[in-house]
Amino acid sequence: MFRRTGLKFIIGAEILISIILAVLIIRAKSNSQPLQTDYRNYSASFQRLIQENQNLKNWLDYLKNPENVQKELKKKFGLAQPDEKVIIFPNQTNY
């Protein structure tokens, strides 16, 4: 009789442990979905940042040349060298 009760207890414990493990596995699976989505989003952001970093490095390399700096200053701010002549055309839409 003791053997039957002990055996039933062991089988019951195994079933209970199996159920608990199944619940834990299901929870872990459902919790991993947001993590995978976050990973994909962060990975895409990281790749964009790597590309942006490379673009900035290229821009800095470009600006290391003084001629390129002058060219950009002229383009953005309309600056000119003291000995340069500048021609300003009126805006055609005003007439």
N, C-alpha and C. Protein backbone atom coordinates (compact mmCIF):
# COMPACT_ATOMS: atom_id res chain seq x y z
N MET A 1 0.81 -1.19 0.00
CA MET A 1 0.00 0.00 0.00
C MET A 1 0.86 1.26 0.00
N PHE A 2 1.92 1.24 0.81
CA PHE A 2 2.82 2.39 0.86
C PHE A 2 3.46 2.64 -0.50
N ARG A 3 3.76 1.55 -1.20
CA ARG A 3 4.38 1.68 -2.53
C ARG A 3 3.42 2.36 -3.50
N ARG A 4 2.14 2.00 -3.43
CA ARG A 4 1.16 2.59 -4.34
C ARG A 4 0.98 4.08 -4.03
N THR A 5 0.93 4.43 -2.80
CA THR A 5 0.76 5.83 -2.41
C THR A 5 1.99 6.63 -2.81
N GLY A 6 3.15 6.08 -2.58
CA GLY A 6 4.39 6.75 -2.97
C GLY A 6 4.50 6.92 -4.46
N LEU A 7 4.09 5.89 -5.20
CA LEU A 7 4.12 5.94 -6.66
C LEU A 7 3.13 6.98 -7.18
N LYS A 8 1.94 7.02 -6.58
CA LYS A 8 0.94 8.01 -6.99
C LYS A 8 1.45 9.43 -6.70
N PHE A 9 2.12 9.58 -5.56
CA PHE A 9 2.66 10.90 -5.20
C PHE A 9 3.71 11.33 -6.21
N ILE A 10 4.58 10.42 -6.59
CA ILE A 10 5.65 10.74 -7.55
C ILE A 10 5.04 11.07 -8.92
N ILE A 11 4.06 10.30 -9.36
CA ILE A 11 3.41 10.57 -10.65
C ILE A 11 2.69 11.91 -10.59
N GLY A 12 1.99 12.19 -9.48
CA GLY A 12 1.31 13.47 -9.32
C GLY A 12 2.29 14.63 -9.33
N ALA A 13 3.43 14.45 -8.67
CA ALA A 13 4.45 15.50 -8.63
C ALA A 13 5.02 15.72 -10.03
N GLU A 14 5.26 14.66 -10.78
CA GLU A 14 5.77 14.78 -12.14
C GLU A 14 4.77 15.52 -13.03
N ILE A 15 3.49 15.22 -12.88
CA ILE A 15 2.46 15.90 -13.68
C ILE A 15 2.42 17.38 -13.32
N LEU A 16 2.47 17.68 -12.01
CA LEU A 16 2.45 19.07 -11.56
C LEU A 16 3.68 19.82 -12.08
N ILE A 17 4.83 19.23 -11.99
CA ILE A 17 6.06 19.86 -12.50
C ILE A 17 5.97 20.06 -14.01
N SER A 18 5.42 19.10 -14.73
CA SER A 18 5.26 19.23 -16.18
C SER A 18 4.34 20.39 -16.53
N ILE A 19 3.25 20.51 -15.78
CA ILE A 19 2.31 21.62 -16.03
C ILE A 19 2.99 22.96 -15.75
N ILE A 20 3.70 23.04 -14.64
CA ILE A 20 4.41 24.29 -14.29
C ILE A 20 5.44 24.63 -15.37
N LEU A 21 6.19 23.65 -15.82
CA LEU A 21 7.18 23.89 -16.88
C LEU A 21 6.50 24.33 -18.18
N ALA A 22 5.38 23.73 -18.52
CA ALA A 22 4.66 24.12 -19.74
C ALA A 22 4.20 25.57 -19.64
N VAL A 23 3.67 25.95 -18.48
CA VAL A 23 3.22 27.33 -18.29
C VAL A 23 4.41 28.29 -18.40
N LEU A 24 5.52 27.94 -17.78
CA LEU A 24 6.71 28.79 -17.84
C LEU A 24 7.23 28.92 -19.27
N ILE A 25 7.21 27.84 -20.02
CA ILE A 25 7.67 27.87 -21.42
C ILE A 25 6.75 28.75 -22.25
N ILE A 26 5.45 28.62 -22.05
CA ILE A 26 4.49 29.44 -22.81
C ILE A 26 4.68 30.92 -22.47
N ARG A 27 4.86 31.22 -21.20
CA ARG A 27 5.10 32.62 -20.81
C ARG A 27 6.39 33.15 -21.43
N ALA A 28 7.42 32.35 -21.39
CA ALA A 28 8.71 32.79 -21.95
C ALA A 28 8.57 33.05 -23.45
N LYS A 29 7.82 32.20 -24.14
CA LYS A 29 7.62 32.40 -25.58
C LYS A 29 6.85 33.68 -25.85
N SER A 30 5.80 33.93 -25.06
CA SER A 30 5.00 35.13 -25.30
C SER A 30 5.77 36.39 -24.92
N ASN A 31 6.66 36.30 -23.96
CA ASN A 31 7.48 37.47 -23.58
C ASN A 31 8.60 37.72 -24.57
N SER A 32 8.99 36.73 -25.34
CA SER A 32 10.10 36.92 -26.27
C SER A 32 9.67 37.64 -27.55
N GLN A 33 8.38 37.64 -27.88
CA GLN A 33 7.92 38.32 -29.09
C GLN A 33 8.22 39.82 -29.05
N PRO A 34 7.87 40.54 -27.97
CA PRO A 34 8.23 41.96 -27.93
C PRO A 34 9.74 42.18 -27.97
N LEU A 35 10.48 41.26 -27.38
CA LEU A 35 11.93 41.40 -27.39
C LEU A 35 12.48 41.28 -28.82
N GLN A 36 11.91 40.36 -29.58
CA GLN A 36 12.36 40.21 -30.96
C GLN A 36 12.03 41.45 -31.78
N THR A 37 10.85 42.02 -31.54
CA THR A 37 10.46 43.25 -32.24
C THR A 37 11.39 44.39 -31.84
N ASP A 38 11.67 44.51 -30.55
CA ASP A 38 12.60 45.55 -30.08
C ASP A 38 13.97 45.36 -30.70
N TYR A 39 14.43 44.11 -30.76
CA TYR A 39 15.74 43.83 -31.35
C TYR A 39 15.79 44.28 -32.80
N ARG A 40 14.73 43.96 -33.56
CA ARG A 40 14.70 44.37 -34.97
C ARG A 40 14.71 45.89 -35.09
N ASN A 41 13.93 46.57 -34.26
CA ASN A 41 13.88 48.03 -34.31
C ASN A 41 15.24 48.64 -33.96
N TYR A 42 15.84 48.14 -32.88
CA TYR A 42 17.15 48.67 -32.47
C TYR A 42 18.23 48.35 -33.49
N SER A 43 18.13 47.19 -34.10
CA SER A 43 19.10 46.82 -35.12
C SER A 43 19.00 47.75 -36.32
N ALA A 44 17.78 48.06 -36.74
CA ALA A 44 17.58 48.98 -37.87
C ALA A 44 18.09 50.38 -37.51
N SER A 45 17.80 50.83 -36.30
CA SER A 45 18.30 52.14 -35.86
C SER A 45 19.81 52.15 -35.82
N PHE A 46 20.38 51.07 -35.36
CA PHE A 46 21.83 50.98 -35.28
C PHE A 46 22.45 51.06 -36.68
N GLN A 47 21.85 50.39 -37.65
CA GLN A 47 22.36 50.42 -39.01
C GLN A 47 22.26 51.83 -39.59
N ARG A 48 21.15 52.53 -39.30
CA ARG A 48 21.01 53.92 -39.76
C ARG A 48 22.08 54.81 -39.13
N LEU A 49 22.37 54.59 -37.85
CA LEU A 49 23.39 55.39 -37.17
C LEU A 49 24.79 55.10 -37.72
N ILE A 50 25.03 53.86 -38.07
CA ILE A 50 26.32 53.52 -38.69
C ILE A 50 26.46 54.26 -40.01
N GLN A 51 25.39 54.27 -40.81
CA GLN A 51 25.43 54.97 -42.10
C GLN A 51 25.60 56.47 -41.89
N GLU A 52 24.88 57.03 -40.93
CA GLU A 52 25.00 58.46 -40.65
C GLU A 52 26.41 58.80 -40.18
N ASN A 53 26.98 57.95 -39.36
CA ASN A 53 28.34 58.16 -38.89
C ASN A 53 29.33 58.16 -40.05
N GLN A 54 29.14 57.22 -40.98
CA GLN A 54 30.02 57.16 -42.15
C GLN A 54 29.87 58.41 -43.01
N ASN A 55 28.62 58.88 -43.18
CA ASN A 55 28.39 60.10 -43.95
C ASN A 55 29.07 61.29 -43.31
N LEU A 56 29.00 61.38 -41.98
CA LEU A 56 29.67 62.49 -41.28
C LEU A 56 31.19 62.40 -41.41
N LYS A 57 31.72 61.20 -41.35
CA LYS A 57 33.17 61.03 -41.54
C LYS A 57 33.58 61.48 -42.94
N ASN A 58 32.77 61.11 -43.94
CA ASN A 58 33.06 61.53 -45.32
C ASN A 58 33.00 63.05 -45.44
N TRP A 59 32.00 63.67 -44.80
CA TRP A 59 31.86 65.12 -44.83
C TRP A 59 33.07 65.80 -44.18
N LEU A 60 33.53 65.26 -43.06
CA LEU A 60 34.71 65.82 -42.40
C LEU A 60 35.96 65.67 -43.27
N ASP A 61 36.10 64.53 -43.91
CA ASP A 61 37.23 64.34 -44.83
C ASP A 61 37.17 65.35 -45.97
N TYR A 62 35.97 65.60 -46.47
CA TYR A 62 35.77 66.58 -47.54
C TYR A 62 36.18 67.98 -47.07
N LEU A 63 35.81 68.32 -45.84
CA LEU A 63 36.10 69.66 -45.32
C LEU A 63 37.54 69.85 -44.86
N LYS A 64 38.31 68.80 -44.84
CA LYS A 64 39.74 68.94 -44.50
C LYS A 64 40.49 69.71 -45.58
N ASN A 65 39.95 69.71 -46.78
CA ASN A 65 40.55 70.46 -47.87
C ASN A 65 40.06 71.92 -47.78
N PRO A 66 40.97 72.89 -47.64
CA PRO A 66 40.56 74.30 -47.50
C PRO A 66 39.75 74.81 -48.70
N GLU A 67 40.02 74.31 -49.88
CA GLU A 67 39.25 74.74 -51.05
C GLU A 67 37.78 74.33 -50.92
N ASN A 68 37.55 73.16 -50.37
CA ASN A 68 36.18 72.72 -50.17
C ASN A 68 35.48 73.55 -49.10
N VAL A 69 36.21 73.96 -48.07
CA VAL A 69 35.63 74.82 -47.04
C VAL A 69 35.21 76.15 -47.67
N GLN A 70 36.09 76.73 -48.48
CA GLN A 70 35.75 77.99 -49.16
C GLN A 70 34.52 77.82 -50.05
N LYS A 71 34.49 76.73 -50.79
CA LYS A 71 33.38 76.46 -51.69
C LYS A 71 32.06 76.39 -50.90
N GLU A 72 32.07 75.69 -49.77
CA GLU A 72 30.86 75.56 -48.96
C GLU A 72 30.45 76.89 -48.33
N LEU A 73 31.43 77.67 -47.88
CA LEU A 73 31.12 78.99 -47.31
C LEU A 73 30.49 79.90 -48.35
N LYS A 74 31.01 79.85 -49.57
CA LYS A 74 30.45 80.66 -50.65
C LYS A 74 29.01 80.22 -50.93
N LYS A 75 28.81 78.92 -50.98
CA LYS A 75 27.49 78.39 -51.32
C LYS A 75 26.47 78.71 -50.22
N LYS A 76 26.84 78.53 -48.96
CA LYS A 76 25.87 78.69 -47.89
C LYS A 76 25.68 80.13 -47.44
N PHE A 77 26.74 80.90 -47.43
CA PHE A 77 26.65 82.25 -46.87
C PHE A 77 26.88 83.36 -47.88
N GLY A 78 27.16 83.00 -49.12
CA GLY A 78 27.37 84.00 -50.15
C GLY A 78 28.66 84.79 -49.94
N LEU A 79 29.63 84.20 -49.28
CA LEU A 79 30.90 84.89 -49.04
C LEU A 79 31.77 84.86 -50.29
N ALA A 80 32.68 85.84 -50.35
CA ALA A 80 33.61 85.91 -51.48
C ALA A 80 34.96 86.38 -50.98
N GLN A 81 35.99 86.06 -51.75
CA GLN A 81 37.34 86.55 -51.44
C GLN A 81 37.39 88.05 -51.72
N PRO A 82 38.29 88.77 -51.06
CA PRO A 82 38.37 90.22 -51.28
C PRO A 82 38.62 90.60 -52.75
N ASP A 83 39.35 89.80 -53.49
CA ASP A 83 39.65 90.14 -54.88
C ASP A 83 38.63 89.57 -55.87
N GLU A 84 37.59 88.88 -55.41
CA GLU A 84 36.58 88.32 -56.30
C GLU A 84 35.48 89.33 -56.56
N LYS A 85 34.92 89.25 -57.76
CA LYS A 85 33.77 90.07 -58.12
C LYS A 85 32.53 89.20 -58.06
N VAL A 86 31.48 89.74 -57.49
CA VAL A 86 30.24 89.00 -57.32
C VAL A 86 29.16 89.67 -58.14
N ILE A 87 28.42 88.90 -58.89
CA ILE A 87 27.31 89.41 -59.67
C ILE A 87 26.03 88.89 -59.01
N ILE A 88 25.13 89.81 -58.70
CA ILE A 88 23.87 89.43 -58.06
C ILE A 88 22.75 89.67 -59.06
N PHE A 89 22.03 88.63 -59.37
CA PHE A 89 20.90 88.72 -60.28
C PHE A 89 19.64 88.95 -59.47
N PRO A 90 18.79 89.86 -59.94
CA PRO A 90 17.54 90.06 -59.21
C PRO A 90 16.62 88.85 -59.36
N ASN A 91 15.80 88.66 -58.38
CA ASN A 91 14.86 87.56 -58.40
C ASN A 91 13.81 87.85 -59.48
N GLN A 92 13.67 86.97 -60.43
CA GLN A 92 12.79 87.20 -61.58
C GLN A 92 11.33 87.18 -61.19
N THR A 93 10.97 86.58 -60.08
CA THR A 93 9.56 86.50 -59.70
C THR A 93 9.04 87.82 -59.14
N ASN A 94 9.93 88.78 -58.81
CA ASN A 94 9.51 90.06 -58.27
C ASN A 94 8.98 90.98 -59.37
N TYR A 95 9.26 90.69 -60.62
CA TYR A 95 8.86 91.59 -61.71
C TYR A 95 7.65 91.10 -62.42
